[in-house]
Protein backbone atom coordinates (compact mmCIF):
# COMPACT_ATOMS: atom_id res chain seq x y z
CA MET A 1 0.00 -0.04 0.01
CA THR A 2 1.39 3.39 -0.98
CA LYS A 3 0.78 6.71 0.83
CA ALA A 4 -1.72 7.52 -1.88
CA ASP A 5 -3.56 4.34 -1.52
CA LEU A 6 -3.80 5.07 2.33
CA ILE A 7 -5.16 8.61 1.62
CA ASN A 8 -7.71 7.31 -0.80
CA HIS A 9 -8.76 4.44 1.73
CA VAL A 10 -9.08 7.05 4.53
CA SER A 11 -11.17 9.37 2.23
CA GLU A 12 -13.41 6.59 1.20
CA THR A 13 -13.78 4.98 4.69
CA ALA A 14 -14.37 8.23 6.61
CA GLY A 15 -16.47 9.80 3.92
CA ILE A 16 -14.36 13.04 3.63
CA THR A 17 -12.63 14.67 0.79
CA ARG A 18 -9.28 13.45 -0.50
CA VAL A 19 -7.71 16.88 0.53
CA LYS A 20 -8.76 16.51 4.06
CA ALA A 21 -7.73 12.76 4.21
CA GLU A 22 -4.40 13.88 2.82
CA ALA A 23 -3.99 16.56 5.55
CA ILE A 24 -4.93 13.87 8.23
CA VAL A 25 -2.32 11.32 6.84
CA ASN A 26 0.45 13.89 6.53
CA LYS A 27 -0.07 15.28 10.02
CA ILE A 28 0.21 11.79 11.49
CA PHE A 29 3.34 11.03 9.60
CA ASP A 30 4.86 14.56 10.45
CA THR A 31 4.04 14.00 14.32
CA MET A 32 5.73 10.48 14.15
CA VAL A 33 8.84 12.04 12.47
CA GLU A 34 9.00 14.76 15.00
CA ALA A 35 8.70 12.32 17.89
CA LEU A 36 11.56 10.22 16.50
CA MET A 37 13.63 13.21 16.11
CA LYS A 38 13.23 14.06 19.75
CA ASP A 39 14.22 10.46 20.49
CA ASP A 40 10.74 9.65 21.82
CA ARG A 41 9.26 6.06 21.48
CA ILE A 42 6.01 5.68 19.46
CA GLU A 43 3.86 2.84 20.63
CA ILE A 44 0.54 1.86 18.89
CA ARG A 45 -1.00 -0.89 21.00
CA GLY A 46 -1.86 -4.00 18.78
CA PHE A 47 0.33 -2.64 15.81
CA GLY A 48 3.95 -2.15 17.05
CA SER A 49 6.31 0.41 18.20
CA PHE A 50 9.08 2.67 16.60
CA VAL A 51 12.23 3.43 18.45
CA ASN A 52 15.48 4.90 17.40
CA ARG A 53 18.53 2.59 17.66
CA GLU A 54 22.02 4.01 18.10
CA TYR A 55 25.02 2.73 16.31
CA ASP A 56 28.52 3.60 17.16
CA SER A 57 31.14 4.77 14.58
CA TYR A 58 33.21 2.11 12.87
CA LYS A 59 35.74 1.55 10.07
CA GLY A 60 34.04 0.56 6.79
CA ARG A 61 35.25 0.00 3.37
CA ASN A 62 34.40 1.54 0.05
CA PRO A 63 33.36 -1.51 -2.11
CA ARG A 64 34.54 0.22 -5.25
CA THR A 65 38.04 1.29 -4.25
CA GLY A 66 38.82 -0.80 -1.26
CA GLU A 67 39.59 2.36 0.68
CA VAL A 68 39.01 2.27 4.49
CA ILE A 69 36.70 5.05 5.46
CA ALA A 70 35.41 6.12 8.85
CA VAL A 71 31.66 5.70 9.21
CA GLU A 72 30.13 8.22 11.90
CA GLU A 73 27.82 7.13 14.66
CA LYS A 74 24.21 7.27 13.63
CA LYS A 75 20.60 6.61 14.79
CA LEU A 76 18.17 4.63 12.71
CA PRO A 77 14.60 4.15 13.35
CA PHE A 78 13.47 0.57 14.07
CA PHE A 79 10.03 -0.93 14.04
CA LYS A 80 9.05 -3.87 16.32
CA VAL A 81 5.78 -5.52 15.31
CA GLY A 82 3.15 -5.93 18.14
CA LYS A 83 2.02 -9.35 19.34
CA GLU A 84 -1.57 -8.88 18.10
CA LEU A 85 -0.46 -7.85 14.61
CA LYS A 86 2.08 -10.88 14.56
CA ASP A 87 -0.56 -13.27 15.54
CA SER A 88 -3.25 -12.10 13.08
CA LEU A 89 -0.80 -12.29 10.20
CA ASN A 90 0.13 -15.86 11.16
CA LYS A 91 -3.36 -17.03 11.57
CA SER A 92 -4.23 -16.66 7.79
């Protein structure tokens, strides 16, 4: 499902215009991004949770040249699926 598909589905299901549905979906995603940028955890019961994982710096290698490069420390968002969603996927 793409973002456009999600917007269309929200519009049809809620009986609202596509413009309003797009604003709602965008606001939800923007709020989630803002929370992750502040290192907050996002937990949606029955669906899953998003957290930032921190990775230390390390020495990497450029695959084209073989040159050793320093990779800086970084944070990456990580999604952990909720138990109810996992169970419902495995039932079918």
